[in-house]
Amino acid sequence: MAGKGEVVAAVDFGSHAIRVLIGRRFPDGMTKILGYGSAPSHECVSFGAIQDADGAAHAFKSALKDAKRMANERIFTIYCGIQGNTIRSSVREGKVQIENEIVKPEHLIKVRENASLGISGPDVRPISCIMSEEWRVDDMRVSDPIDMRGTVLQGHIRFTQLSVFLENNLRACIEGQGVEIADFVFTPLAAAHGCLTREDKNIGAAVVNLGATSTGIAVYQNGYVVEASAHNWGSGLIISDVAAGLKVSFEEATELVVDYGINLQMLEERDKDDKDKSGSAADNVPIKLTHTVTGAPSTVPKSFLDHIIFERGDELADQICNFLNDKKLLYALPRGIVLTGGGANIINQDILITRKSGVDTRIGVPVGFDEVPDPVDTPEWTSVTGILNYAFAHRRANRRGRGGAGYKNDNSSWEAVRRFLNRFFV
């Protein structure tokens, strides 16, 4: 691994936790995670939107501090995931004539500008992801059009309509710690970048990022994104139901959901006649509760907890399957469904989706790195590792002139010197 390479940072503002990663790509192409940090959101973030500015700033500061300490690196810029109930994602087409019949970076910029016409507004602005662009030169698909010869460049560009409200509040939170945002990434796409291999994307797979208050779905076919969306339902609904039904704290409800998971026997018994639903003795074993509200029972039958978890888990599985089926994508997934996010840790949620959809479903974990620390090698870290993968791809594209911005290593020593000189001499 000759040379130090470049350092990039990524952050994911989740409803359960704010996570920060710092990574390095070496000149030989190897990538390594240098540091990571996580801090509970404590309800200061919901569905991608900051609800409590002070709380979010404190959590981000804590996560960033831990990641920087571990990495032993200074961070001046960071790539940020974003989603919300006001965000929409769609594909637009743009094209330009190629002067001198050789594609140059300015042609790509012009195609993006043409494709984005009409989708800006006072409350939203379009952002694109270089990892979800499809290019054609004279109607022939190419992966990198730079220096290709032809007469017409055409691009199918996936835009995310970024809410100005979400952007402004995320910027204020991040810049309050002396860090600038290098770029935004739509979180459902980030989750896919974090857990899918190139073969998965080419053959066809769906990534379902099951978070606490939202679920992102991204579908790849033939190497390109064919669907990317965010939905305002997530695994937190299971926890809320358990907390309400058992009259316990959210912390204890979370532990109960993770420890017991989904009882698949309930799926098998649901269609039986009532006389056949005898239930086992284990189903009626009492579960001791430790943080109940005043006057609530301190024990409940396991069957009662199983019923609550199963009904909401079954509903989530139906919502996922129905969405993919309505889009006519459910049976076009040879590599199956990949379940990520904190909801993927619920025991048997993946098996329940498999049985209801008829499509193989597996748990996704971070890919694309030569080394992944054990605490990061989990489903809930896929989004932020995907943001980090995107950051490296964005830097490569900028060096090639594909990114539409001049390339520089914003977390380099030279950047530290530049900021010092600007502070005292400009």
Protein backbone atom coordinates (compact mmCIF):
# COMPACT_ATOMS: atom_id res chain seq x y z
CA MET A 1 0.00 0.00 0.00
CA ALA A 2 2.44 2.62 -1.21
CA GLY A 3 1.53 6.22 -0.44
CA LYS A 4 -1.00 7.61 1.98
CA GLY A 5 -3.89 7.97 -0.43
CA GLU A 6 -6.95 10.12 0.24
CA VAL A 7 -9.15 10.39 3.29
CA VAL A 8 -12.93 10.89 3.15
CA ALA A 9 -15.66 11.01 5.78
CA ALA A 10 -19.37 10.12 5.76
CA VAL A 11 -22.32 10.67 8.07
CA ASP A 12 -25.77 9.11 8.30
CA PHE A 13 -28.43 10.91 10.36
CA GLY A 14 -30.60 8.00 11.45
CA SER A 15 -33.63 8.04 13.73
CA HIS A 16 -31.94 5.60 16.09
CA ALA A 17 -28.34 6.83 15.84
CA ILE A 18 -26.07 9.27 14.03
CA ARG A 19 -23.11 7.39 12.55
CA VAL A 20 -19.80 8.72 11.19
CA LEU A 21 -17.17 6.83 9.20
CA ILE A 22 -13.69 7.90 8.09
CA GLY A 23 -11.92 5.89 5.41
CA ARG A 24 -8.84 5.94 3.21
CA ARG A 25 -8.34 4.80 -0.37
CA PHE A 26 -4.73 3.98 -1.15
CA PRO A 27 -3.11 4.57 -4.55
CA ASP A 28 -3.22 0.83 -5.29
CA GLY A 29 -7.03 0.85 -4.92
CA MET A 30 -7.25 -0.72 -1.49
CA THR A 31 -9.72 0.87 0.92
CA LYS A 32 -9.71 0.81 4.69
CA ILE A 33 -12.00 2.13 7.40
CA LEU A 34 -9.84 4.23 9.72
CA GLY A 35 -12.36 5.31 12.32
CA TYR A 36 -16.01 5.16 13.27
CA GLY A 37 -18.30 6.80 15.77
CA SER A 38 -21.95 6.50 16.75
CA ALA A 39 -24.22 8.42 19.11
CA PRO A 40 -27.91 7.83 19.95
CA SER A 41 -30.28 10.23 18.20
CA HIS A 42 -32.67 10.35 21.18
CA GLU A 43 -35.56 11.37 18.89
CA CYS A 44 -33.70 14.44 17.61
CA VAL A 45 -33.92 12.97 14.08
CA SER A 46 -37.02 11.46 12.48
CA PHE A 47 -37.35 10.28 8.87
CA GLY A 48 -34.17 12.15 7.92
CA ALA A 49 -35.32 15.49 9.37
CA ILE A 50 -33.71 17.13 12.38
CA GLN A 51 -36.32 17.61 15.12
CA ASP A 52 -34.05 19.03 17.81
CA ALA A 53 -31.14 21.14 16.54
CA ASP A 54 -29.21 21.12 19.83
CA GLY A 55 -29.68 17.40 20.35
CA ALA A 56 -28.63 16.56 16.79
CA ALA A 57 -25.57 18.82 17.05
CA HIS A 58 -24.51 17.15 20.30
CA ALA A 59 -24.93 13.64 18.86
CA PHE A 60 -23.08 14.50 15.62
CA LYS A 61 -20.26 16.14 17.58
CA SER A 62 -19.88 13.03 19.73
CA ALA A 63 -19.88 10.59 16.78
CA LEU A 64 -17.46 12.77 14.79
CA LYS A 65 -15.12 13.14 17.76
CA ASP A 66 -14.94 9.36 18.29
CA ALA A 67 -14.30 8.70 14.59
CA LYS A 68 -11.59 11.37 14.34
CA ARG A 69 -9.86 10.13 17.49
CA MET A 70 -9.77 6.58 16.19
CA ALA A 71 -8.64 7.59 12.71
CA ASN A 72 -6.16 10.19 13.96
CA GLU A 73 -7.17 12.41 11.03
CA ARG A 74 -8.41 15.98 10.66
CA ILE A 75 -11.73 16.24 8.85
CA PHE A 76 -12.81 19.37 6.97
CA THR A 77 -15.42 17.96 4.58
CA ILE A 78 -17.94 15.16 4.85
CA TYR A 79 -20.44 13.34 2.60
CA CYS A 80 -23.96 13.26 4.05
CA GLY A 81 -26.89 10.90 3.51
CA ILE A 82 -30.35 12.42 3.18
CA GLN A 83 -33.97 11.27 2.95
CA GLY A 84 -37.38 12.44 4.07
CA ASN A 85 -41.08 12.35 3.31
CA THR A 86 -40.78 15.40 1.03
CA ILE A 87 -37.95 13.92 -1.07
CA ARG A 88 -38.70 12.42 -4.47
CA SER A 89 -36.42 10.51 -6.82
CA SER A 90 -36.93 10.26 -10.57
CA VAL A 91 -35.03 9.70 -13.82
CA ARG A 92 -34.76 12.49 -16.37
CA GLU A 93 -33.20 12.47 -19.84
CA GLY A 94 -30.79 15.02 -21.25
CA LYS A 95 -28.78 15.14 -24.45
CA VAL A 96 -26.30 17.37 -26.28
CA GLN A 97 -24.49 17.49 -29.60
CA ILE A 98 -20.82 16.60 -29.26
CA GLU A 99 -18.58 19.32 -30.69
CA ASN A 100 -15.48 17.94 -32.42
CA GLU A 101 -17.03 14.48 -31.93
CA ILE A 102 -15.08 13.80 -28.70
CA VAL A 103 -16.91 13.72 -25.36
CA LYS A 104 -15.44 16.12 -22.81
CA PRO A 105 -16.40 16.85 -19.18
CA GLU A 106 -18.35 19.96 -20.19
CA HIS A 107 -20.68 17.77 -22.28
CA LEU A 108 -21.64 15.74 -19.20
CA ILE A 109 -22.30 18.93 -17.25
CA LYS A 110 -24.54 20.21 -20.03
CA VAL A 111 -26.49 16.93 -20.17
CA ARG A 112 -27.12 17.10 -16.42
CA GLU A 113 -28.24 20.72 -16.71
CA ASN A 114 -30.64 19.88 -19.55
CA ALA A 115 -32.04 16.90 -17.67
CA SER A 116 -32.66 18.95 -14.51
CA LEU A 117 -34.72 21.63 -16.25
CA GLY A 118 -38.13 22.09 -14.69
CA ILE A 119 -37.57 20.15 -11.47
CA SER A 120 -36.14 22.94 -9.33
CA GLY A 121 -38.39 25.01 -7.09
CA PRO A 122 -38.34 27.46 -4.20
CA ASP A 123 -38.40 24.61 -1.66
CA VAL A 124 -36.38 21.94 -3.47
CA ARG A 125 -33.28 21.59 -5.59
CA PRO A 126 -32.18 18.57 -7.66
CA ILE A 127 -29.07 16.55 -6.82
CA SER A 128 -27.75 13.66 -8.87
CA CYS A 129 -25.67 10.61 -7.99
CA ILE A 130 -22.79 9.75 -10.32
CA MET A 131 -23.20 6.07 -9.38
CA SER A 132 -26.75 5.97 -10.78
CA GLU A 133 -26.23 7.67 -14.16
CA GLU A 134 -26.70 5.89 -17.49
CA TRP A 135 -24.81 7.22 -20.51
CA ARG A 136 -25.17 6.62 -24.25
CA VAL A 137 -23.04 7.85 -27.13
CA ASP A 138 -24.88 7.65 -30.44
CA ASP A 139 -27.43 5.40 -28.70
CA MET A 140 -24.75 2.93 -27.54
CA ARG A 141 -24.55 2.39 -23.78
CA VAL A 142 -21.16 3.18 -22.24
CA SER A 143 -19.99 3.16 -18.62
CA ASP A 144 -17.69 6.20 -18.96
CA PRO A 145 -18.32 8.51 -21.93
CA ILE A 146 -15.24 10.74 -21.43
CA ASP A 147 -13.04 10.76 -24.59
CA MET A 148 -15.54 8.60 -26.48
CA ARG A 149 -16.08 9.57 -30.13
CA GLY A 150 -19.55 10.27 -31.44
CA THR A 151 -22.06 12.95 -32.36
CA VAL A 152 -24.74 12.84 -29.61
CA LEU A 153 -24.31 12.29 -25.86
CA GLN A 154 -27.43 11.16 -24.02
CA GLY A 155 -27.83 10.66 -20.29
CA HIS A 156 -30.50 9.17 -18.07
CA ILE A 157 -29.89 10.98 -14.81
CA ARG A 158 -31.54 10.01 -11.53
CA PHE A 159 -32.31 13.15 -9.56
CA THR A 160 -33.30 13.43 -5.95
CA GLN A 161 -35.33 16.54 -5.15
CA LEU A 162 -33.58 17.76 -2.05
CA SER A 163 -35.75 19.62 0.45
CA VAL A 164 -34.25 23.01 1.23
CA PHE A 165 -35.57 22.68 4.80
CA LEU A 166 -33.74 19.38 5.31
CA GLU A 167 -30.59 20.67 3.61
CA ASN A 168 -30.40 23.90 5.61
CA ASN A 169 -30.80 22.18 8.95
CA LEU A 170 -28.29 19.44 8.14
CA ARG A 171 -25.81 22.07 6.95
CA ALA A 172 -26.24 24.08 10.13
CA CYS A 173 -25.67 20.98 12.26
CA ILE A 174 -22.56 19.85 10.37
CA GLU A 175 -21.00 23.25 9.72
CA GLY A 176 -21.45 24.08 13.40
CA GLN A 177 -18.61 21.61 14.00
CA GLY A 178 -16.33 23.32 11.47
CA VAL A 179 -16.99 20.75 8.73
CA GLU A 180 -18.34 21.43 5.23
CA ILE A 181 -20.64 19.14 3.25
CA ALA A 182 -18.89 17.77 0.16
CA ASP A 183 -22.08 16.26 -1.31
CA PHE A 184 -25.43 14.72 -0.42
CA VAL A 185 -26.40 11.10 -1.17
CA PHE A 186 -29.97 9.74 -1.22
CA THR A 187 -29.94 7.23 1.65
CA PRO A 188 -31.78 4.36 -0.15
CA LEU A 189 -29.10 4.51 -2.86
CA ALA A 190 -26.38 4.71 -0.21
CA ALA A 191 -27.64 1.50 1.43
CA ALA A 192 -27.39 -0.25 -1.94
CA HIS A 193 -23.87 1.09 -2.52
CA GLY A 194 -23.00 -0.23 0.92
CA CYS A 195 -24.04 -3.87 0.54
CA LEU A 196 -24.40 -4.86 -3.14
CA THR A 197 -21.62 -6.28 -5.27
CA ARG A 198 -21.23 -5.42 -8.95
CA GLU A 199 -22.67 -8.86 -9.77
CA ASP A 200 -25.74 -8.18 -7.60
CA LYS A 201 -26.38 -4.94 -9.50
CA ASN A 202 -25.93 -6.54 -12.91
CA ILE A 203 -28.06 -9.62 -12.24
CA GLY A 204 -30.81 -7.82 -10.31
CA ALA A 205 -31.42 -7.20 -6.61
CA ALA A 206 -33.50 -5.03 -4.28
CA VAL A 207 -32.16 -3.44 -1.12
CA VAL A 208 -34.67 -2.73 1.64
CA ASN A 209 -33.12 -0.46 4.26
CA LEU A 210 -35.44 -0.98 7.23
CA GLY A 211 -34.84 1.88 9.65
CA ALA A 212 -36.67 2.96 12.77
CA THR A 213 -39.00 5.56 11.24
CA SER A 214 -38.48 5.01 7.51
CA THR A 215 -37.70 2.38 4.92
CA GLY A 216 -35.63 2.98 1.80
CA ILE A 217 -35.98 0.72 -1.24
CA ALA A 218 -33.52 0.64 -4.15
CA VAL A 219 -33.68 -1.82 -7.05
CA TYR A 220 -30.91 -2.59 -9.54
CA GLN A 221 -31.22 -4.35 -12.89
CA ASN A 222 -28.55 -4.69 -15.57
CA GLY A 223 -26.18 -2.59 -13.50
CA TYR A 224 -28.48 0.44 -13.19
CA VAL A 225 -30.97 1.79 -10.66
CA VAL A 226 -34.56 1.24 -11.77
CA GLU A 227 -36.23 2.29 -8.50
CA ALA A 228 -35.24 4.36 -5.49
CA SER A 229 -37.72 5.62 -2.89
CA ALA A 230 -38.24 6.29 0.81
CA HIS A 231 -41.32 5.39 2.83
CA ASN A 232 -42.57 6.62 6.20
CA TRP A 233 -42.85 3.23 7.88
CA GLY A 234 -40.16 1.27 9.65
CA SER A 235 -39.25 -1.20 12.36
CA GLY A 236 -39.84 1.41 15.05
CA LEU A 237 -43.55 0.69 14.63
CA ILE A 238 -42.96 -2.77 16.13
CA ILE A 239 -41.18 -1.25 19.11
CA SER A 240 -43.94 1.34 19.59
CA ASP A 241 -46.61 -1.38 19.56
CA VAL A 242 -44.72 -3.45 22.11
CA ALA A 243 -44.18 -0.40 24.34
CA ALA A 244 -47.88 0.45 24.15
CA GLY A 245 -49.21 -3.10 24.52
CA LEU A 246 -46.95 -4.11 27.40
CA LYS A 247 -46.79 -0.62 28.94
CA VAL A 248 -43.00 -0.64 29.09
CA SER A 249 -40.30 1.87 28.17
CA PHE A 250 -39.07 2.14 24.58
CA GLU A 251 -35.67 0.86 25.73
CA GLU A 252 -37.17 -2.32 27.17
CA ALA A 253 -39.48 -2.72 24.16
CA THR A 254 -36.43 -2.57 21.87
CA GLU A 255 -34.67 -5.26 23.90
CA LEU A 256 -37.76 -7.49 23.81
CA VAL A 257 -38.16 -7.16 20.03
CA VAL A 258 -34.47 -7.91 19.40
CA ASP A 259 -34.29 -10.78 21.90
CA TYR A 260 -37.48 -12.60 20.86
CA GLY A 261 -37.97 -11.58 17.24
CA ILE A 262 -40.77 -12.92 15.04
CA ASN A 263 -42.32 -16.28 15.94
CA LEU A 264 -42.74 -17.95 12.54
CA GLN A 265 -45.06 -20.55 14.04
CA MET A 266 -47.74 -17.86 14.05
CA LEU A 267 -47.53 -17.65 10.25
CA GLU A 268 -48.05 -21.38 9.98
CA GLU A 269 -50.95 -21.38 12.43
CA ARG A 270 -52.78 -18.32 11.13
CA ASP A 271 -54.77 -20.26 8.54
CA LYS A 272 -55.62 -23.16 10.84
CA ASP A 273 -59.03 -23.62 12.39
CA ASP A 274 -59.36 -22.29 15.91
CA LYS A 275 -59.59 -25.88 17.25
CA ASP A 276 -56.16 -26.63 15.81
CA LYS A 277 -54.50 -23.59 17.40
CA SER A 278 -53.53 -25.23 20.63
CA GLY A 279 -50.20 -23.43 21.14
CA SER A 280 -47.26 -24.88 23.02
CA ALA A 281 -46.48 -24.54 26.69
CA ALA A 282 -43.49 -22.37 25.76
CA ASP A 283 -45.87 -19.86 24.20
CA ASN A 284 -47.46 -19.20 27.59
CA VAL A 285 -44.27 -18.91 29.61
CA PRO A 286 -44.41 -15.59 31.49
CA ILE A 287 -41.93 -12.88 30.55
CA LYS A 288 -40.78 -10.64 33.38
CA LEU A 289 -40.93 -6.91 32.66
CA THR A 290 -38.68 -4.45 34.46
CA HIS A 291 -39.69 -0.94 33.35
CA THR A 292 -43.48 -0.81 33.30
CA VAL A 293 -45.74 2.16 33.98
CA THR A 294 -47.38 2.43 37.39
CA GLY A 295 -50.11 -0.17 37.87
CA ALA A 296 -49.16 -2.28 34.81
CA PRO A 297 -48.55 -6.03 35.23
CA SER A 298 -44.91 -7.05 35.75
CA THR A 299 -45.24 -10.20 33.63
CA VAL A 300 -46.95 -11.11 30.35
CA PRO A 301 -47.39 -14.41 28.50
CA LYS A 302 -44.84 -14.87 25.71
CA SER A 303 -47.76 -15.51 23.34
CA PHE A 304 -48.97 -11.92 23.87
CA LEU A 305 -45.56 -10.50 22.96
CA ASP A 306 -45.32 -12.87 19.98
CA HIS A 307 -48.69 -11.67 18.70
CA ILE A 308 -47.72 -7.97 18.83
CA ILE A 309 -44.36 -8.47 17.12
CA PHE A 310 -45.74 -10.82 14.48
CA GLU A 311 -48.69 -8.64 13.45
CA ARG A 312 -46.56 -5.53 12.84
CA GLY A 313 -43.67 -7.51 11.30
CA ASP A 314 -46.17 -9.18 8.98
CA GLU A 315 -47.59 -5.79 8.02
CA LEU A 316 -44.10 -4.47 7.19
CA ALA A 317 -43.41 -7.55 5.06
CA ASP A 318 -46.69 -6.95 3.19
CA GLN A 319 -45.82 -3.30 2.56
CA ILE A 320 -42.43 -4.25 1.12
CA CYS A 321 -43.85 -7.01 -1.07
CA ASN A 322 -46.81 -4.95 -2.27
CA PHE A 323 -44.59 -2.02 -3.25
CA LEU A 324 -42.23 -4.21 -5.27
CA ASN A 325 -45.15 -6.06 -6.83
CA ASP A 326 -46.97 -2.84 -7.79
CA LYS A 327 -43.76 -1.70 -9.53
CA LYS A 328 -43.61 -5.09 -11.32
CA LEU A 329 -40.19 -5.70 -9.78
CA LEU A 330 -40.88 -8.44 -7.24
CA TYR A 331 -40.21 -11.33 -9.62
CA ALA A 332 -37.31 -9.69 -11.46
CA LEU A 333 -34.77 -10.13 -8.66
CA PRO A 334 -32.49 -13.13 -9.34
CA ARG A 335 -30.18 -12.00 -6.53
CA GLY A 336 -33.17 -11.55 -4.27
CA ILE A 337 -33.99 -8.99 -1.59
CA VAL A 338 -31.24 -7.69 0.67
CA LEU A 339 -32.45 -6.47 4.06
CA THR A 340 -30.36 -3.82 5.81
CA GLY A 341 -30.78 -1.21 8.54
CA GLY A 342 -31.54 -1.78 12.20
CA GLY A 343 -34.74 -3.65 11.33
CA ALA A 344 -32.66 -6.39 9.74
CA ASN A 345 -31.56 -7.39 13.26
CA ILE A 346 -35.08 -8.52 14.15
CA ILE A 347 -34.92 -12.30 14.23
CA ASN A 348 -36.80 -13.96 11.33
CA GLN A 349 -37.86 -10.71 9.62
CA ASP A 350 -35.88 -11.82 6.56
CA ILE A 351 -37.45 -15.29 6.60
CA LEU A 352 -40.92 -13.79 6.91
CA ILE A 353 -40.30 -11.62 3.82
CA THR A 354 -39.01 -14.67 1.94
CA ARG A 355 -42.10 -16.71 2.75
CA LYS A 356 -44.52 -13.93 1.86
CA SER A 357 -42.78 -12.82 -1.33
CA GLY A 358 -41.42 -16.09 -2.66
CA VAL A 359 -38.12 -14.25 -3.23
CA ASP A 360 -34.93 -15.18 -1.41
CA THR A 361 -34.16 -12.56 1.23
CA ARG A 362 -30.83 -12.20 3.01
CA ILE A 363 -29.25 -9.86 5.54
CA GLY A 364 -26.90 -7.28 4.01
CA VAL A 365 -23.65 -6.12 5.60
CA PRO A 366 -21.01 -3.63 4.38
CA VAL A 367 -18.95 -4.56 1.31
CA GLY A 368 -16.28 -2.78 -0.70
CA PHE A 369 -13.57 -2.50 1.95
CA ASP A 370 -10.45 -4.54 2.56
CA GLU A 371 -11.05 -4.45 6.29
CA VAL A 372 -14.31 -3.83 8.17
CA PRO A 373 -14.16 -3.51 11.98
CA ASP A 374 -16.51 -5.93 13.77
CA PRO A 375 -18.76 -3.17 15.23
CA VAL A 376 -19.27 -1.79 11.69
CA ASP A 377 -19.84 -5.19 10.06
CA THR A 378 -23.58 -5.05 10.78
CA PRO A 379 -26.76 -4.22 8.80
CA GLU A 380 -27.30 -0.82 10.44
CA TRP A 381 -23.94 0.46 9.16
CA THR A 382 -24.63 -0.30 5.48
CA SER A 383 -26.00 3.18 4.69
CA VAL A 384 -22.99 5.10 6.00
CA THR A 385 -20.53 2.63 4.43
CA GLY A 386 -22.43 3.16 1.18
CA ILE A 387 -22.01 6.92 1.56
CA LEU A 388 -18.28 6.31 2.01
CA ASN A 389 -18.18 4.12 -1.12
CA TYR A 390 -19.98 6.90 -3.00
CA ALA A 391 -17.44 9.44 -1.72
CA PHE A 392 -14.55 7.47 -3.19
CA ALA A 393 -16.43 7.06 -6.50
CA HIS A 394 -17.23 10.78 -6.55
CA ARG A 395 -13.55 11.65 -6.09
CA ARG A 396 -12.54 9.28 -8.90
CA ALA A 397 -15.17 10.80 -11.18
CA ASN A 398 -13.92 14.30 -10.39
CA ARG A 399 -10.39 13.31 -11.33
CA ARG A 400 -11.74 12.05 -14.65
CA GLY A 401 -13.84 15.18 -15.12
CA ARG A 402 -17.12 13.27 -14.71
CA GLY A 403 -18.18 14.79 -11.41
CA GLY A 404 -18.74 18.34 -12.57
CA ALA A 405 -16.43 19.83 -9.94
CA GLY A 406 -12.73 20.36 -9.57
CA TYR A 407 -11.02 17.62 -7.61
CA LYS A 408 -9.10 18.17 -4.43
CA ASN A 409 -8.45 16.14 -1.31
CA ASP A 410 -10.38 18.31 1.10
CA ASN A 411 -9.12 16.40 4.15
CA SER A 412 -5.46 16.69 3.16
CA SER A 413 -2.65 18.46 5.00
CA TRP A 414 -2.67 21.16 2.31
CA GLU A 415 -6.29 21.92 3.16
CA ALA A 416 -5.30 22.41 6.81
CA VAL A 417 -2.57 24.87 5.74
CA ARG A 418 -4.99 26.73 3.43
CA ARG A 419 -7.53 27.14 6.22
CA PHE A 420 -4.87 28.37 8.62
CA LEU A 421 -3.65 31.01 6.15
CA ASN A 422 -7.20 32.12 5.36
CA ARG A 423 -7.96 32.47 9.04
CA PHE A 424 -5.04 34.71 9.88
CA PHE A 425 -3.97 36.42 6.65
CA VAL A 426 -7.07 36.83 4.45
